[in-house]
Amino acid sequence: MNDITLLGKRVFSGQNLFLLISLALGHTFMHCLQQGWYIVLPSVKESFGLNDLQYGSIESVRSASNTVVQLPSGAVSDILRKRWVSIIVSALMGVALSYAILGMAPNYSTVLFAAVLIGISIALWHPSALSVLSARLAQRRGLALSVHGMGGNLGNAVGPAITGSVIGIVAWQAASWIMAAPLVLFAILLALLLRNMPGREDKHVTGRQFVSALICLLKNKTILGLVITGSIRGMGTICIYSFFSLYLREDLSFSPAKAGLYYTIMMASGIFSQPLMGYLSDRFGRKIVMVPSLLVMGVLQILLIWVGDGIGLAAVAAGIGLFIYAIGAVIQAAAMDASPEEAGATTIALLFGSQALFTIPSPAIAGWLSGIYGIHSVFVYSGGLVLISAAILIFLPIDGKQKFSENLNSSQLG
C-alpha cells in the first residue's frame, strides 16, 4: 500500500498535475457548451417549427460530422503529436464558433451547419487530450482519465443550468453568443499556459506505422468488443441527451430554467462518481465496474416512463447521471489497456468514431418513434440499447486490473 501511495504521489505531482488540471478544465468548458446545446435545441425547434424527426436529425447530422473526423483526428494526433496543444485549442475555438453561427442562424440549414461544426470540434479534443494523459499518467490511467472525465461531467452539470437561465433572460440567439465568449477566452489562455508543455514522449509514428497499428487494433477482439459495446451504449445515451430536455419542455411543460435544472441534476450526480469508478476499475478490474453500471443505467432510463414530474423524476435522473458519462472513461481505460502506446490517440479515435458512426441514425430513429408512439418510446429504446451493451460486455475477455498491476510492478522495478 505504501509503494502504491508513493507511486501515486510521483504520478500526480508537478507538471503532470498541472497538465491534468488544465485538460480537465478544458474538458469542463467543452462539455458545458456541448450539454448546453441540448437546452438550446428545444427553443430552436419552436422558433423554426420543426417536427420531431427534423429535431432528431439535428443530432444525427452532428454525429455524422463527428464520425467523419474522428479516425483522421486520431491519425493526426498520433503522427503530429508535438502539435497536440494546437489541436485541442482548435477544438475549443470550433465549439465557440458553432454557437456563434447558431446564434445568427436564419433557417434550419444553418442550424444543421452549426451542428456539423460542433461535431467536428468535439472530435478533435479527445484523441489528443486522452492519449497525452494516458501516456503521461500510465500508472494511474483509469483515475487520470476519470478525473479528465470528471471535468467534463462538471461541464455537463453547469452547462444546462447556465444555458437555461440565460435563455430565461434573453432570446436563445443572444444566449448562444453569450455562451461562446468565455470559451474563446479560455482557449487563448490554455494556448499560452500549455505552449511549452511536453506531451507524449514515445517515438514519432509515420503514416505507415499508423496504418499498421490500426490494423492491429482491428484484429484485437477485446478492443473490437469494447468498440461495439461503447457504440451500442452511445446509441442509447445520445437519445437521453437529445430528448430528455425536450420531454421536460413539451410533455411536462417545464420552463427553460427548470428544464436546465433537471438536466443539471442528471449530469451533476456523475461528477464524483466518475473518479470513484476510475479508481475502482484500477483497483478491482474494468469489467466488474462496467457491467453492473450499464445494467442499472439501462433500467433507470426505462423507469423514466413512470416517475412523473416530481421527486421521482429528480431521483431517477440523478441515478442515470451516476453512470451515463462516468462509464465512458472506464471503457476508454479498458481499451487503452489493450492497445499499444504508440496507437493511443488512434485507439481513442476508434472508440469515439465508431460510437459516432453507430449513433448517426439513432436520434432520427428516436424522433420517428416519438412521432408515432410518443416520447416514452424513446426511453424504452434508449434503455434497451444500454442493456444490450451490458450483455455483450459480459462475454469480453477484459482484465484491466492485471495489466495495471503489471504496469505498476514494472514502474517500481524501474
Protein backbone atom coordinates (compact mmCIF):
# COMPACT_ATOMS: atom_id res chain seq x y z
CA MET A 1 0.00 0.00 0.00
CA ASN A 2 2.84 2.40 0.83
CA ASP A 3 4.50 1.72 -2.52
CA ILE A 4 1.24 2.41 -4.34
CA THR A 5 0.72 5.62 -2.37
CA LEU A 6 4.24 6.82 -3.13
CA LEU A 7 3.79 5.98 -6.80
CA GLY A 8 0.53 7.93 -6.88
CA LYS A 9 2.29 10.94 -5.41
CA ARG A 10 5.01 10.76 -8.06
CA VAL A 11 2.48 10.43 -10.88
CA PHE A 12 0.22 13.28 -9.71
CA SER A 13 2.86 15.85 -8.89
CA GLY A 14 4.34 18.96 -10.50
CA GLN A 15 3.97 19.20 -14.25
CA ASN A 16 1.76 16.10 -14.53
CA LEU A 17 -0.72 17.53 -12.02
CA PHE A 18 -0.80 20.88 -13.84
CA LEU A 19 -1.37 19.06 -17.13
CA LEU A 20 -4.23 17.01 -15.67
CA ILE A 21 -5.94 20.05 -14.13
CA SER A 22 -5.57 22.11 -17.33
CA LEU A 23 -7.06 19.42 -19.55
CA ALA A 24 -9.82 18.67 -17.05
CA LEU A 25 -10.78 22.37 -17.04
CA GLY A 26 -10.70 22.45 -20.83
CA HIS A 27 -12.95 19.41 -20.82
CA THR A 28 -15.27 21.29 -18.45
CA PHE A 29 -15.64 24.18 -20.88
CA MET A 30 -16.07 21.79 -23.80
CA HIS A 31 -18.89 19.88 -22.14
CA CYS A 32 -20.51 22.98 -20.70
CA LEU A 33 -21.34 24.04 -24.24
CA GLN A 34 -21.86 20.51 -25.51
CA GLN A 35 -24.65 19.86 -23.00
CA GLY A 36 -25.93 23.43 -23.16
CA TRP A 37 -26.55 22.66 -26.83
CA TYR A 38 -29.37 20.28 -25.83
CA ILE A 39 -31.05 23.04 -23.81
CA VAL A 40 -30.93 25.45 -26.74
CA LEU A 41 -32.34 22.93 -29.24
CA PRO A 42 -35.97 22.88 -27.95
CA SER A 43 -36.06 26.66 -28.45
CA VAL A 44 -34.62 26.18 -31.95
CA LYS A 45 -37.33 23.60 -32.64
CA GLU A 46 -40.02 26.04 -31.53
CA SER A 47 -38.60 29.00 -33.49
CA PHE A 48 -38.35 27.13 -36.79
CA GLY A 49 -41.48 24.96 -36.32
CA LEU A 50 -39.58 21.68 -36.62
CA ASN A 51 -41.22 18.26 -36.22
CA ASP A 52 -39.72 15.51 -34.07
CA LEU A 53 -37.92 13.87 -36.99
CA GLN A 54 -36.28 17.15 -38.02
CA TYR A 55 -35.35 17.78 -34.39
CA GLY A 56 -33.69 14.37 -34.05
CA SER A 57 -31.96 14.85 -37.38
CA ILE A 58 -30.01 17.81 -35.98
CA GLU A 59 -28.24 15.43 -33.60
CA SER A 60 -27.85 12.80 -36.34
CA VAL A 61 -26.05 15.37 -38.50
CA ARG A 62 -23.79 16.27 -35.57
CA SER A 63 -22.96 12.59 -35.08
CA ALA A 64 -22.26 12.15 -38.79
CA SER A 65 -19.75 15.01 -38.87
CA ASN A 66 -18.17 13.67 -35.70
CA THR A 67 -17.80 10.25 -37.32
CA VAL A 68 -16.12 11.59 -40.46
CA VAL A 69 -13.47 13.41 -38.43
CA GLN A 70 -12.84 11.02 -35.53
CA LEU A 71 -10.47 8.49 -37.12
CA PRO A 72 -8.50 11.08 -39.13
CA SER A 73 -8.16 13.17 -35.96
CA GLY A 74 -6.67 10.14 -34.22
CA ALA A 75 -4.18 9.70 -37.05
CA VAL A 76 -3.25 13.38 -36.93
CA SER A 77 -2.84 13.23 -33.15
CA ASP A 78 -0.57 10.19 -33.36
CA ILE A 79 1.53 11.45 -36.30
CA LEU A 80 1.65 15.15 -35.30
CA ARG A 81 1.80 14.54 -31.56
CA LYS A 82 4.02 17.57 -30.95
CA ARG A 83 1.14 19.77 -32.16
CA TRP A 84 -1.30 18.44 -29.57
CA VAL A 85 -1.82 21.84 -27.92
CA SER A 86 -2.82 23.43 -31.23
CA ILE A 87 -5.28 20.61 -31.83
CA ILE A 88 -7.11 20.94 -28.51
CA VAL A 89 -7.20 24.74 -28.74
CA SER A 90 -8.71 24.45 -32.24
CA ALA A 91 -11.35 22.14 -30.79
CA LEU A 92 -12.38 24.72 -28.19
CA MET A 93 -12.45 27.52 -30.75
CA GLY A 94 -14.57 25.39 -33.09
CA VAL A 95 -17.23 24.79 -30.43
CA ALA A 96 -17.37 28.53 -29.73
CA LEU A 97 -17.73 29.28 -33.44
CA SER A 98 -20.56 26.76 -33.80
CA TYR A 99 -22.50 28.57 -31.06
CA ALA A 100 -21.87 31.90 -32.77
CA ILE A 101 -23.23 30.53 -36.05
CA LEU A 102 -26.23 29.01 -34.28
CA GLY A 103 -26.98 32.37 -32.72
CA MET A 104 -27.35 34.05 -36.11
CA ALA A 105 -28.97 31.12 -37.95
CA PRO A 106 -31.75 32.39 -40.27
CA ASN A 107 -33.02 28.91 -41.18
CA TYR A 108 -32.87 25.17 -40.50
CA SER A 109 -29.99 24.62 -42.92
CA THR A 110 -27.75 26.97 -40.94
CA VAL A 111 -28.67 25.14 -37.74
CA LEU A 112 -27.51 21.92 -39.40
CA PHE A 113 -24.24 23.60 -40.41
CA ALA A 114 -23.66 24.64 -36.79
CA ALA A 115 -24.33 21.03 -35.77
CA VAL A 116 -21.71 19.84 -38.29
CA LEU A 117 -19.13 22.25 -36.87
CA ILE A 118 -19.71 21.32 -33.24
CA GLY A 119 -19.47 17.63 -34.16
CA ILE A 120 -16.11 18.20 -35.87
CA SER A 121 -14.78 20.28 -32.98
CA ILE A 122 -15.72 17.73 -30.31
CA ALA A 123 -13.99 15.04 -32.38
CA LEU A 124 -10.71 16.95 -32.28
CA TRP A 125 -10.46 17.18 -28.49
CA HIS A 126 -10.50 13.62 -27.18
CA PRO A 127 -7.80 11.77 -29.18
CA SER A 128 -5.11 14.32 -28.33
CA ALA A 129 -6.13 15.06 -24.74
CA LEU A 130 -6.75 11.47 -23.68
CA SER A 131 -3.69 10.00 -25.39
CA VAL A 132 -1.44 12.59 -23.71
CA LEU A 133 -2.93 11.86 -20.29
CA SER A 134 -2.81 8.11 -20.87
CA ALA A 135 0.89 8.24 -21.76
CA ARG A 136 1.98 10.74 -19.10
CA LEU A 137 -0.06 9.12 -16.29
CA ALA A 138 0.04 5.48 -17.34
CA GLN A 139 0.36 4.09 -13.79
CA ARG A 140 -2.91 5.75 -12.82
CA ARG A 141 -4.58 5.65 -16.22
CA GLY A 142 -8.08 4.79 -15.02
CA LEU A 143 -8.03 7.51 -12.36
CA ALA A 144 -6.41 10.10 -14.67
CA LEU A 145 -8.95 9.57 -17.45
CA SER A 146 -11.74 9.66 -14.88
CA VAL A 147 -10.50 12.98 -13.45
CA HIS A 148 -10.46 14.32 -17.01
CA GLY A 149 -13.95 12.93 -17.40
CA MET A 150 -14.95 14.47 -14.07
CA GLY A 151 -14.10 17.85 -15.59
CA GLY A 152 -16.40 17.02 -18.48
CA ASN A 153 -19.11 15.96 -16.06
CA LEU A 154 -18.78 19.26 -14.22
CA GLY A 155 -19.40 20.99 -17.55
CA ASN A 156 -22.31 18.63 -18.18
CA ALA A 157 -23.79 19.74 -14.85
CA VAL A 158 -23.35 23.50 -15.01
CA GLY A 159 -23.84 23.94 -18.76
CA PRO A 160 -27.57 23.12 -18.89
CA ALA A 161 -28.33 25.22 -15.80
CA ILE A 162 -26.39 28.21 -17.12
CA THR A 163 -27.85 27.91 -20.60
CA GLY A 164 -31.41 27.51 -19.32
CA SER A 165 -31.00 30.53 -17.04
CA VAL A 166 -29.59 32.70 -19.83
CA ILE A 167 -32.40 31.68 -22.23
CA GLY A 168 -34.84 32.67 -19.49
CA ILE A 169 -33.43 36.20 -19.61
CA VAL A 170 -32.58 36.76 -23.29
CA ALA A 171 -33.54 35.14 -26.59
CA TRP A 172 -31.83 31.85 -27.43
CA GLN A 173 -29.92 33.54 -30.26
CA ALA A 174 -28.30 36.02 -27.86
CA ALA A 175 -27.75 33.25 -25.34
CA SER A 176 -25.70 31.35 -27.91
CA TRP A 177 -23.36 34.30 -28.35
CA ILE A 178 -23.07 34.80 -24.58
CA MET A 179 -22.12 31.14 -24.10
CA ALA A 180 -19.44 31.29 -26.81
CA ALA A 181 -17.47 34.27 -25.47
CA PRO A 182 -15.92 32.68 -22.31
CA LEU A 183 -14.82 29.64 -24.30
CA VAL A 184 -12.81 31.81 -26.69
CA LEU A 185 -11.05 33.49 -23.78
CA PHE A 186 -10.25 30.18 -22.10
CA ALA A 187 -8.92 28.69 -25.34
CA ILE A 188 -6.47 31.60 -25.65
CA LEU A 189 -5.40 31.17 -22.01
CA LEU A 190 -4.89 27.41 -22.45
CA ALA A 191 -2.76 28.00 -25.55
CA LEU A 192 -0.49 30.30 -23.54
CA LEU A 193 -0.25 28.04 -20.47
CA LEU A 194 0.47 24.81 -22.36
CA ARG A 195 2.58 26.15 -25.22
CA ASN A 196 5.80 24.65 -23.78
CA MET A 197 4.22 21.62 -22.12
CA PRO A 198 5.61 18.29 -23.43
CA GLY A 199 3.01 15.74 -24.41
CA ARG A 200 3.68 12.15 -25.31
CA GLU A 201 7.33 11.19 -25.21
CA ASP A 202 7.10 7.98 -27.20
CA LYS A 203 8.76 7.82 -30.58
CA HIS A 204 7.41 9.52 -33.70
CA VAL A 205 4.90 7.49 -35.71
CA THR A 206 4.95 7.53 -39.50
CA GLY A 207 1.88 7.12 -41.69
CA ARG A 208 2.86 3.52 -42.45
CA GLN A 209 3.28 2.72 -38.76
CA PHE A 210 -0.10 4.28 -38.06
CA VAL A 211 -1.81 2.06 -40.64
CA SER A 212 -0.03 -0.98 -39.19
CA ALA A 213 -1.15 -0.07 -35.67
CA LEU A 214 -4.73 0.45 -36.87
CA ILE A 215 -4.77 -2.99 -38.48
CA CYS A 216 -3.53 -4.50 -35.21
CA LEU A 217 -6.28 -2.71 -33.29
CA LEU A 218 -8.94 -4.03 -35.65
CA LYS A 219 -7.63 -7.57 -35.14
CA ASN A 220 -7.81 -7.24 -31.34
CA LYS A 221 -11.01 -8.95 -30.20
CA THR A 222 -11.07 -7.13 -26.88
CA ILE A 223 -10.83 -3.70 -28.50
CA LEU A 224 -13.41 -4.60 -31.14
CA GLY A 225 -15.75 -5.80 -28.41
CA LEU A 226 -15.28 -2.58 -26.49
CA VAL A 227 -15.89 -0.59 -29.67
CA ILE A 228 -19.18 -2.42 -30.28
CA THR A 229 -20.23 -2.17 -26.64
CA GLY A 230 -19.45 1.54 -26.44
CA SER A 231 -21.18 2.21 -29.75
CA ILE A 232 -24.45 0.48 -28.82
CA ARG A 233 -24.38 2.22 -25.44
CA GLY A 234 -23.81 5.50 -27.28
CA MET A 235 -26.87 4.90 -29.46
CA GLY A 236 -28.94 4.79 -26.29
CA THR A 237 -27.37 7.60 -24.30
CA ILE A 238 -27.44 10.11 -27.17
CA CYS A 239 -31.23 9.81 -27.19
CA ILE A 240 -31.36 10.69 -23.49
CA TYR A 241 -29.15 13.71 -24.16
CA SER A 242 -31.33 14.82 -27.07
CA PHE A 243 -34.85 14.05 -25.85
CA PHE A 244 -34.77 14.41 -22.06
CA SER A 245 -34.81 18.22 -22.26
CA LEU A 246 -37.49 18.08 -24.99
CA TYR A 247 -39.59 15.81 -22.75
CA LEU A 248 -39.26 18.30 -19.90
CA ARG A 249 -40.17 21.29 -22.08
CA GLU A 250 -43.01 19.85 -24.18
CA ASP A 251 -44.53 16.96 -22.22
CA LEU A 252 -44.04 18.26 -18.67
CA SER A 253 -44.33 21.98 -19.62
CA PHE A 254 -41.17 22.99 -17.75
CA SER A 255 -39.69 26.44 -18.33
CA PRO A 256 -36.20 26.62 -19.91
CA ALA A 257 -34.67 27.34 -16.50
CA LYS A 258 -36.49 24.46 -14.79
CA ALA A 259 -35.64 22.08 -17.63
CA GLY A 260 -31.99 23.15 -17.34
CA LEU A 261 -32.13 22.50 -13.58
CA TYR A 262 -33.41 18.93 -14.01
CA TYR A 263 -30.86 18.28 -16.73
CA THR A 264 -28.22 19.57 -14.33
CA ILE A 265 -29.45 17.17 -11.64
CA MET A 266 -28.86 14.31 -14.06
CA MET A 267 -25.38 15.49 -15.00
CA ALA A 268 -24.21 16.68 -11.57
CA SER A 269 -24.63 13.31 -9.89
CA GLY A 270 -21.84 11.93 -12.07
CA ILE A 271 -19.22 14.49 -11.09
CA PHE A 272 -17.83 12.47 -8.20
CA SER A 273 -18.92 9.02 -9.35
CA GLN A 274 -16.54 9.24 -12.30
CA PRO A 275 -13.22 9.36 -10.40
CA LEU A 276 -14.59 6.77 -7.97
CA MET A 277 -15.40 4.40 -10.81
CA GLY A 278 -11.98 5.04 -12.33
CA TYR A 279 -10.29 4.21 -9.03
CA LEU A 280 -12.39 1.07 -8.54
CA SER A 281 -11.59 -0.09 -12.07
CA ASP A 282 -7.86 0.41 -11.40
CA ARG A 283 -8.18 -1.46 -8.12
CA PHE A 284 -10.53 -4.33 -8.95
CA GLY A 285 -10.73 -4.51 -12.75
CA ARG A 286 -12.64 -2.84 -15.57
CA LYS A 287 -15.40 -5.38 -16.21
CA ILE A 288 -16.61 -5.63 -12.62
CA VAL A 289 -17.32 -1.89 -12.75
CA MET A 290 -18.71 -1.65 -16.28
CA VAL A 291 -21.29 -4.45 -16.37
CA PRO A 292 -23.33 -3.56 -13.24
CA SER A 293 -23.18 0.14 -14.15
CA LEU A 294 -24.64 -0.44 -17.61
CA LEU A 295 -27.37 -2.73 -16.27
CA VAL A 296 -28.52 -0.20 -13.68
CA MET A 297 -28.37 2.68 -16.15
CA GLY A 298 -30.47 0.84 -18.73
CA VAL A 299 -33.19 0.01 -16.20
CA LEU A 300 -33.30 3.60 -14.90
CA GLN A 301 -33.73 5.02 -18.41
CA ILE A 302 -36.81 2.86 -18.91
CA LEU A 303 -38.15 3.90 -15.49
CA LEU A 304 -38.42 7.50 -16.75
CA ILE A 305 -41.75 6.42 -18.24
CA TRP A 306 -43.42 6.04 -14.84
CA VAL A 307 -41.81 8.52 -12.44
CA GLY A 308 -43.90 11.61 -13.27
CA ASP A 309 -42.62 15.15 -12.78
CA GLY A 310 -41.70 15.40 -9.09
CA ILE A 311 -39.12 13.95 -6.72
CA GLY A 312 -39.24 10.61 -8.54
CA LEU A 313 -38.09 12.25 -11.77
CA ALA A 314 -35.24 14.01 -9.98
CA ALA A 315 -34.16 10.77 -8.27
CA VAL A 316 -34.16 8.69 -11.45
CA ALA A 317 -32.41 11.44 -13.41
CA ALA A 318 -29.73 11.60 -10.72
CA GLY A 319 -29.38 7.81 -10.82
CA ILE A 320 -28.89 7.83 -14.59
CA GLY A 321 -26.32 10.59 -14.20
CA LEU A 322 -24.17 8.44 -11.93
CA PHE A 323 -23.34 6.22 -14.91
CA ILE A 324 -24.30 7.91 -18.19
CA TYR A 325 -20.95 9.63 -18.64
CA ALA A 326 -18.71 8.07 -16.00
CA ILE A 327 -18.76 4.62 -17.58
CA GLY A 328 -17.25 6.03 -20.76
CA ALA A 329 -13.91 6.74 -19.07
CA VAL A 330 -13.71 3.15 -17.82
CA ILE A 331 -14.39 1.84 -21.34
CA GLN A 332 -11.64 4.13 -22.63
CA ALA A 333 -9.21 2.90 -19.97
CA ALA A 334 -10.01 -0.73 -20.82
CA ALA A 335 -9.29 -0.06 -24.50
CA MET A 336 -6.04 1.76 -23.70
CA ASP A 337 -5.01 -1.21 -21.53
CA ALA A 338 -5.30 -3.48 -24.56
CA SER A 339 -3.70 -1.16 -27.13
CA PRO A 340 -0.06 -0.35 -27.94
CA GLU A 341 1.06 3.01 -26.54
CA GLU A 342 2.09 4.37 -29.93
CA ALA A 343 -1.52 3.99 -31.12
CA GLY A 344 -3.09 5.71 -28.11
CA ALA A 345 -4.81 8.54 -29.97
CA THR A 346 -5.92 6.15 -32.70
CA THR A 347 -7.49 3.87 -30.09
CA ILE A 348 -9.46 6.78 -28.63
CA ALA A 349 -10.45 7.95 -32.10
CA LEU A 350 -11.59 4.43 -32.98
CA LEU A 351 -13.78 4.34 -29.87
CA PHE A 352 -15.29 7.77 -30.38
CA GLY A 353 -15.50 7.47 -34.15
CA SER A 354 -17.29 4.12 -34.12
CA GLN A 355 -19.65 5.40 -31.45
CA ALA A 356 -20.41 8.45 -33.55
CA LEU A 357 -20.97 6.21 -36.60
CA PHE A 358 -23.43 3.99 -34.74
CA THR A 359 -25.25 6.99 -33.30
CA ILE A 360 -25.84 8.76 -36.63
CA PRO A 361 -29.30 7.23 -37.20
CA SER A 362 -30.23 6.85 -33.52
CA PRO A 363 -31.66 10.34 -32.75
CA ALA A 364 -33.61 10.28 -36.02
CA ILE A 365 -34.96 6.82 -35.14
CA ALA A 366 -35.90 8.14 -31.71
CA GLY A 367 -37.63 11.14 -33.31
CA TRP A 368 -39.56 8.80 -35.61
CA LEU A 369 -40.59 6.62 -32.65
CA SER A 370 -41.62 9.69 -30.67
CA GLY A 371 -43.74 10.99 -33.54
CA ILE A 372 -45.64 7.70 -33.83
CA TYR A 373 -45.71 6.21 -30.31
CA GLY A 374 -44.94 9.19 -28.08
CA ILE A 375 -41.75 10.25 -26.34
CA HIS A 376 -41.95 7.43 -23.76
CA SER A 377 -40.99 5.03 -26.56
CA VAL A 378 -37.65 6.86 -26.77
CA PHE A 379 -36.85 5.88 -23.18
CA VAL A 380 -37.64 2.21 -23.87
CA TYR A 381 -35.49 2.33 -27.00
CA SER A 382 -32.53 4.01 -25.28
CA GLY A 383 -32.67 1.86 -22.14
CA GLY A 384 -32.92 -1.34 -24.19
CA LEU A 385 -29.79 -0.46 -26.15
CA VAL A 386 -27.81 0.14 -22.95
CA LEU A 387 -28.93 -3.25 -21.59
CA ILE A 388 -27.80 -4.93 -24.83
CA SER A 389 -24.36 -3.30 -24.47
CA ALA A 390 -24.07 -4.73 -20.94
CA ALA A 391 -24.95 -8.21 -22.19
CA ILE A 392 -22.21 -8.06 -24.84
CA LEU A 393 -19.65 -6.85 -22.32
CA ILE A 394 -20.20 -9.88 -20.09
CA PHE A 395 -18.54 -12.12 -22.68
CA LEU A 396 -15.50 -9.94 -23.43
CA PRO A 397 -12.05 -11.08 -22.17
CA ILE A 398 -11.12 -7.99 -20.16
CA ASP A 399 -8.62 -7.96 -17.30
CA GLY A 400 -7.61 -4.34 -16.83
CA LYS A 401 -6.59 -4.97 -13.21
CA GLN A 402 -3.93 -7.44 -14.31
CA LYS A 403 -2.35 -5.09 -16.84
CA PHE A 404 -2.50 -2.22 -14.36
CA SER A 405 -0.63 -4.37 -11.84
CA GLU A 406 1.98 -5.20 -14.45
CA ASN A 407 2.48 -1.50 -15.22
CA LEU A 408 2.77 -0.77 -11.52
CA ASN A 409 5.30 -3.52 -10.91
CA SER A 410 7.45 -2.57 -13.90
CA SER A 411 7.46 1.05 -12.76
CA GLN A 412 8.52 0.07 -9.28
CA LEU A 413 11.25 -2.22 -10.57
CA GLY A 414 12.50 0.54 -12.86
